[in-house]
Amino acid sequence: MKIDVKRAAQLSKLNISDNKAKSFEKQMNDIAQMISVLSQINNDISDTDERRAELRADQPHEQSLSQQQIMQNAPAFSNGVFCVPKTVD
């Protein structure tokens, strides 16, 4: 696949020198070549037991912290929630 960088730049309303266009065209063609190689890779994923990830059961952590222990490290809190500076007007 050949990529026309000058045409893409024109459609994008970008000014690009001929030297840069040649450089980008080579880079883009190299990328397109790599992508075409990826399409040839066998990526058939079968649902076999060997490939299936085993998930552990969700269980609460036995040694959890109380709300008071968590809040003691907070710079500010009120009514059981963290107070943070306003970031959006």
N, C-alpha and C. Protein backbone atom coordinates (compact mmCIF):
# COMPACT_ATOMS: atom_id res chain seq x y z
N MET A 1 0.84 -1.16 0.00
CA MET A 1 0.00 0.00 0.00
C MET A 1 0.90 1.24 0.00
N LYS A 2 0.65 2.13 -0.93
CA LYS A 2 1.43 3.36 -1.01
C LYS A 2 0.59 4.50 -0.45
N ILE A 3 1.19 5.28 0.44
CA ILE A 3 0.49 6.38 1.08
C ILE A 3 1.00 7.69 0.49
N ASP A 4 0.08 8.49 -0.01
CA ASP A 4 0.42 9.78 -0.61
C ASP A 4 0.37 10.85 0.48
N VAL A 5 1.52 11.14 1.06
CA VAL A 5 1.61 12.08 2.17
C VAL A 5 1.25 13.50 1.73
N LYS A 6 1.68 13.89 0.54
CA LYS A 6 1.36 15.24 0.05
C LYS A 6 -0.16 15.42 -0.06
N ARG A 7 -0.85 14.40 -0.52
CA ARG A 7 -2.31 14.47 -0.65
C ARG A 7 -2.97 14.52 0.72
N ALA A 8 -2.47 13.71 1.65
CA ALA A 8 -3.02 13.73 3.01
C ALA A 8 -2.78 15.08 3.67
N ALA A 9 -1.61 15.68 3.43
CA ALA A 9 -1.31 17.00 3.98
C ALA A 9 -2.22 18.05 3.37
N GLN A 10 -2.47 17.94 2.08
CA GLN A 10 -3.35 18.89 1.40
C GLN A 10 -4.77 18.79 1.96
N LEU A 11 -5.27 17.57 2.14
CA LEU A 11 -6.61 17.38 2.70
C LEU A 11 -6.70 17.89 4.14
N SER A 12 -5.58 17.82 4.85
CA SER A 12 -5.53 18.28 6.24
C SER A 12 -5.20 19.76 6.34
N LYS A 13 -5.00 20.38 5.19
CA LYS A 13 -4.64 21.80 5.12
C LYS A 13 -3.34 22.08 5.88
N LEU A 14 -2.36 21.19 5.66
CA LEU A 14 -1.04 21.34 6.26
C LEU A 14 -0.03 21.66 5.16
N ASN A 15 0.87 22.57 5.46
CA ASN A 15 1.97 22.85 4.54
C ASN A 15 3.13 21.96 4.93
N ILE A 16 3.64 21.23 3.96
CA ILE A 16 4.72 20.29 4.24
C ILE A 16 5.72 20.37 3.09
N SER A 17 7.00 20.42 3.44
CA SER A 17 8.04 20.51 2.41
C SER A 17 8.17 19.16 1.70
N ASP A 18 8.77 19.20 0.53
CA ASP A 18 8.97 17.97 -0.24
C ASP A 18 9.88 16.99 0.50
N ASN A 19 10.92 17.52 1.17
CA ASN A 19 11.84 16.65 1.91
C ASN A 19 11.12 15.96 3.07
N LYS A 20 10.30 16.72 3.80
CA LYS A 20 9.54 16.14 4.91
C LYS A 20 8.53 15.13 4.37
N ALA A 21 7.89 15.45 3.25
CA ALA A 21 6.91 14.56 2.66
C ALA A 21 7.54 13.22 2.29
N LYS A 22 8.73 13.25 1.73
CA LYS A 22 9.41 12.01 1.36
C LYS A 22 9.75 11.20 2.61
N SER A 23 10.22 11.90 3.64
CA SER A 23 10.56 11.22 4.90
C SER A 23 9.31 10.59 5.52
N PHE A 24 8.24 11.37 5.60
CA PHE A 24 6.99 10.85 6.18
C PHE A 24 6.42 9.72 5.34
N GLU A 25 6.52 9.85 4.02
CA GLU A 25 5.99 8.81 3.15
C GLU A 25 6.70 7.48 3.38
N LYS A 26 8.03 7.53 3.54
CA LYS A 26 8.78 6.31 3.83
C LYS A 26 8.34 5.72 5.17
N GLN A 27 8.22 6.58 6.18
CA GLN A 27 7.80 6.11 7.50
C GLN A 27 6.40 5.50 7.45
N MET A 28 5.47 6.17 6.78
CA MET A 28 4.10 5.67 6.70
C MET A 28 4.04 4.35 5.92
N ASN A 29 4.81 4.24 4.87
CA ASN A 29 4.84 2.98 4.11
C ASN A 29 5.44 1.86 4.93
N ASP A 30 6.45 2.17 5.76
CA ASP A 30 7.02 1.15 6.65
C ASP A 30 5.97 0.67 7.66
N ILE A 31 5.21 1.61 8.18
CA ILE A 31 4.15 1.26 9.14
C ILE A 31 3.08 0.40 8.47
N ALA A 32 2.69 0.79 7.25
CA ALA A 32 1.70 0.01 6.51
C ALA A 32 2.21 -1.40 6.23
N GLN A 33 3.50 -1.53 5.96
CA GLN A 33 4.11 -2.85 5.73
C GLN A 33 4.04 -3.70 6.99
N MET A 34 4.33 -3.08 8.15
CA MET A 34 4.25 -3.81 9.41
C MET A 34 2.82 -4.28 9.69
N ILE A 35 1.86 -3.44 9.38
CA ILE A 35 0.46 -3.80 9.60
C ILE A 35 0.06 -4.96 8.70
N SER A 36 0.55 -4.95 7.47
CA SER A 36 0.21 -6.05 6.56
C SER A 36 0.80 -7.36 7.05
N VAL A 37 1.95 -7.30 7.72
CA VAL A 37 2.55 -8.52 8.30
C VAL A 37 1.67 -9.03 9.44
N LEU A 38 1.14 -8.11 10.25
CA LEU A 38 0.27 -8.51 11.36
C LEU A 38 -0.97 -9.26 10.89
N SER A 39 -1.49 -8.86 9.73
CA SER A 39 -2.70 -9.52 9.23
C SER A 39 -2.44 -10.97 8.82
N GLN A 40 -1.17 -11.33 8.64
CA GLN A 40 -0.83 -12.69 8.24
C GLN A 40 -0.63 -13.63 9.43
N ILE A 41 -0.60 -13.07 10.62
CA ILE A 41 -0.37 -13.87 11.81
C ILE A 41 -1.61 -14.68 12.15
N ASN A 42 -1.41 -15.93 12.50
CA ASN A 42 -2.52 -16.78 12.90
C ASN A 42 -2.94 -16.39 14.32
N ASN A 43 -4.10 -15.81 14.43
CA ASN A 43 -4.57 -15.39 15.75
C ASN A 43 -5.86 -16.10 16.14
N ASP A 44 -6.00 -17.33 15.68
CA ASP A 44 -7.16 -18.13 16.07
C ASP A 44 -7.06 -18.44 17.55
N ILE A 45 -8.02 -17.96 18.29
CA ILE A 45 -8.03 -18.21 19.72
C ILE A 45 -9.13 -19.22 20.00
N SER A 46 -8.71 -20.39 20.39
CA SER A 46 -9.70 -21.41 20.71
C SER A 46 -10.00 -21.34 22.19
N ASP A 47 -11.17 -21.72 22.55
CA ASP A 47 -11.61 -21.65 23.94
C ASP A 47 -11.27 -22.96 24.64
N THR A 48 -9.98 -23.22 24.73
CA THR A 48 -9.56 -24.45 25.39
C THR A 48 -9.23 -24.18 26.84
N ASP A 49 -9.17 -25.23 27.61
CA ASP A 49 -8.86 -25.09 29.03
C ASP A 49 -7.45 -24.55 29.25
N GLU A 50 -6.53 -24.83 28.33
CA GLU A 50 -5.17 -24.35 28.50
C GLU A 50 -5.07 -22.84 28.37
N ARG A 51 -5.92 -22.23 27.57
CA ARG A 51 -5.86 -20.79 27.35
C ARG A 51 -6.79 -20.01 28.27
N ARG A 52 -7.70 -20.66 28.88
CA ARG A 52 -8.67 -19.96 29.72
C ARG A 52 -8.02 -19.56 31.04
N ALA A 53 -8.17 -18.29 31.38
CA ALA A 53 -7.60 -17.80 32.64
C ALA A 53 -8.52 -18.21 33.79
N GLU A 54 -7.90 -18.66 34.84
CA GLU A 54 -8.68 -19.02 36.01
C GLU A 54 -8.78 -17.81 36.92
N LEU A 55 -10.00 -17.45 37.26
CA LEU A 55 -10.23 -16.31 38.12
C LEU A 55 -10.46 -16.79 39.54
N ARG A 56 -9.93 -16.06 40.46
CA ARG A 56 -10.17 -16.42 41.85
C ARG A 56 -11.50 -15.85 42.28
N ALA A 57 -12.08 -16.45 43.28
CA ALA A 57 -13.36 -15.98 43.80
C ALA A 57 -13.15 -14.67 44.56
N ASP A 58 -14.08 -13.75 44.43
CA ASP A 58 -14.00 -12.50 45.18
C ASP A 58 -14.30 -12.77 46.64
N GLN A 59 -13.38 -12.37 47.47
CA GLN A 59 -13.55 -12.53 48.90
C GLN A 59 -13.07 -11.25 49.56
N PRO A 60 -13.79 -10.79 50.57
CA PRO A 60 -13.33 -9.58 51.25
C PRO A 60 -12.00 -9.82 51.95
N HIS A 61 -11.20 -8.81 51.97
CA HIS A 61 -9.90 -8.89 52.63
C HIS A 61 -10.13 -9.04 54.13
N GLU A 62 -9.46 -9.97 54.73
CA GLU A 62 -9.69 -10.26 56.14
C GLU A 62 -9.21 -9.12 57.04
N GLN A 63 -8.20 -8.41 56.63
CA GLN A 63 -7.61 -7.39 57.48
C GLN A 63 -7.86 -6.02 56.85
N SER A 64 -9.10 -5.53 56.95
CA SER A 64 -9.42 -4.24 56.37
C SER A 64 -9.30 -3.14 57.42
N LEU A 65 -9.17 -1.92 56.92
CA LEU A 65 -9.03 -0.77 57.80
C LEU A 65 -10.41 -0.18 58.12
N SER A 66 -10.52 0.38 59.29
CA SER A 66 -11.77 1.06 59.65
C SER A 66 -11.79 2.43 58.99
N GLN A 67 -12.96 3.03 58.91
CA GLN A 67 -13.09 4.34 58.31
C GLN A 67 -12.25 5.36 59.09
N GLN A 68 -12.22 5.23 60.39
CA GLN A 68 -11.44 6.15 61.23
C GLN A 68 -9.94 6.03 60.92
N GLN A 69 -9.45 4.81 60.72
CA GLN A 69 -8.03 4.61 60.39
C GLN A 69 -7.68 5.23 59.03
N ILE A 70 -8.60 5.13 58.11
CA ILE A 70 -8.36 5.69 56.78
C ILE A 70 -8.38 7.21 56.84
N MET A 71 -9.34 7.78 57.54
CA MET A 71 -9.49 9.22 57.61
C MET A 71 -8.36 9.91 58.38
N GLN A 72 -7.67 9.20 59.24
CA GLN A 72 -6.61 9.85 60.02
C GLN A 72 -5.45 10.29 59.15
N ASN A 73 -5.29 9.72 57.96
CA ASN A 73 -4.23 10.12 57.03
C ASN A 73 -4.69 11.15 56.01
N ALA A 74 -5.98 11.46 55.99
CA ALA A 74 -6.51 12.42 55.03
C ALA A 74 -6.19 13.84 55.48
N PRO A 75 -5.81 14.72 54.54
CA PRO A 75 -5.56 16.09 54.92
C PRO A 75 -6.82 16.80 55.41
N ALA A 76 -7.98 16.43 54.84
CA ALA A 76 -9.24 17.03 55.28
C ALA A 76 -10.37 16.06 54.99
N PHE A 77 -11.32 15.99 55.91
CA PHE A 77 -12.51 15.18 55.69
C PHE A 77 -13.67 15.76 56.47
N SER A 78 -14.86 15.45 56.00
CA SER A 78 -16.07 15.95 56.64
C SER A 78 -17.19 14.96 56.38
N ASN A 79 -17.95 14.64 57.42
CA ASN A 79 -19.08 13.71 57.31
C ASN A 79 -18.68 12.37 56.69
N GLY A 80 -17.47 11.93 56.99
CA GLY A 80 -17.03 10.61 56.53
C GLY A 80 -16.55 10.55 55.10
N VAL A 81 -16.31 11.70 54.46
CA VAL A 81 -15.80 11.71 53.09
C VAL A 81 -14.56 12.60 53.01
N PHE A 82 -13.71 12.34 52.03
CA PHE A 82 -12.51 13.14 51.82
C PHE A 82 -12.92 14.50 51.24
N CYS A 83 -12.28 15.55 51.71
CA CYS A 83 -12.46 16.89 51.14
C CYS A 83 -11.26 17.18 50.25
N VAL A 84 -11.54 17.55 49.01
CA VAL A 84 -10.47 17.85 48.06
C VAL A 84 -10.71 19.23 47.46
N PRO A 85 -9.64 19.88 46.97
CA PRO A 85 -9.82 21.19 46.37
C PRO A 85 -10.67 21.09 45.11
N LYS A 86 -11.43 22.12 44.86
CA LYS A 86 -12.27 22.20 43.66
C LYS A 86 -11.36 22.31 42.44
N THR A 87 -11.60 21.49 41.42
CA THR A 87 -10.74 21.50 40.25
C THR A 87 -11.45 22.03 39.01
N VAL A 88 -12.77 22.06 39.01
CA VAL A 88 -13.53 22.53 37.85
C VAL A 88 -14.49 23.61 38.32
N ASP A 89 -14.52 24.71 37.58
CA ASP A 89 -15.46 25.79 37.94
C ASP A 89 -16.84 25.50 37.40
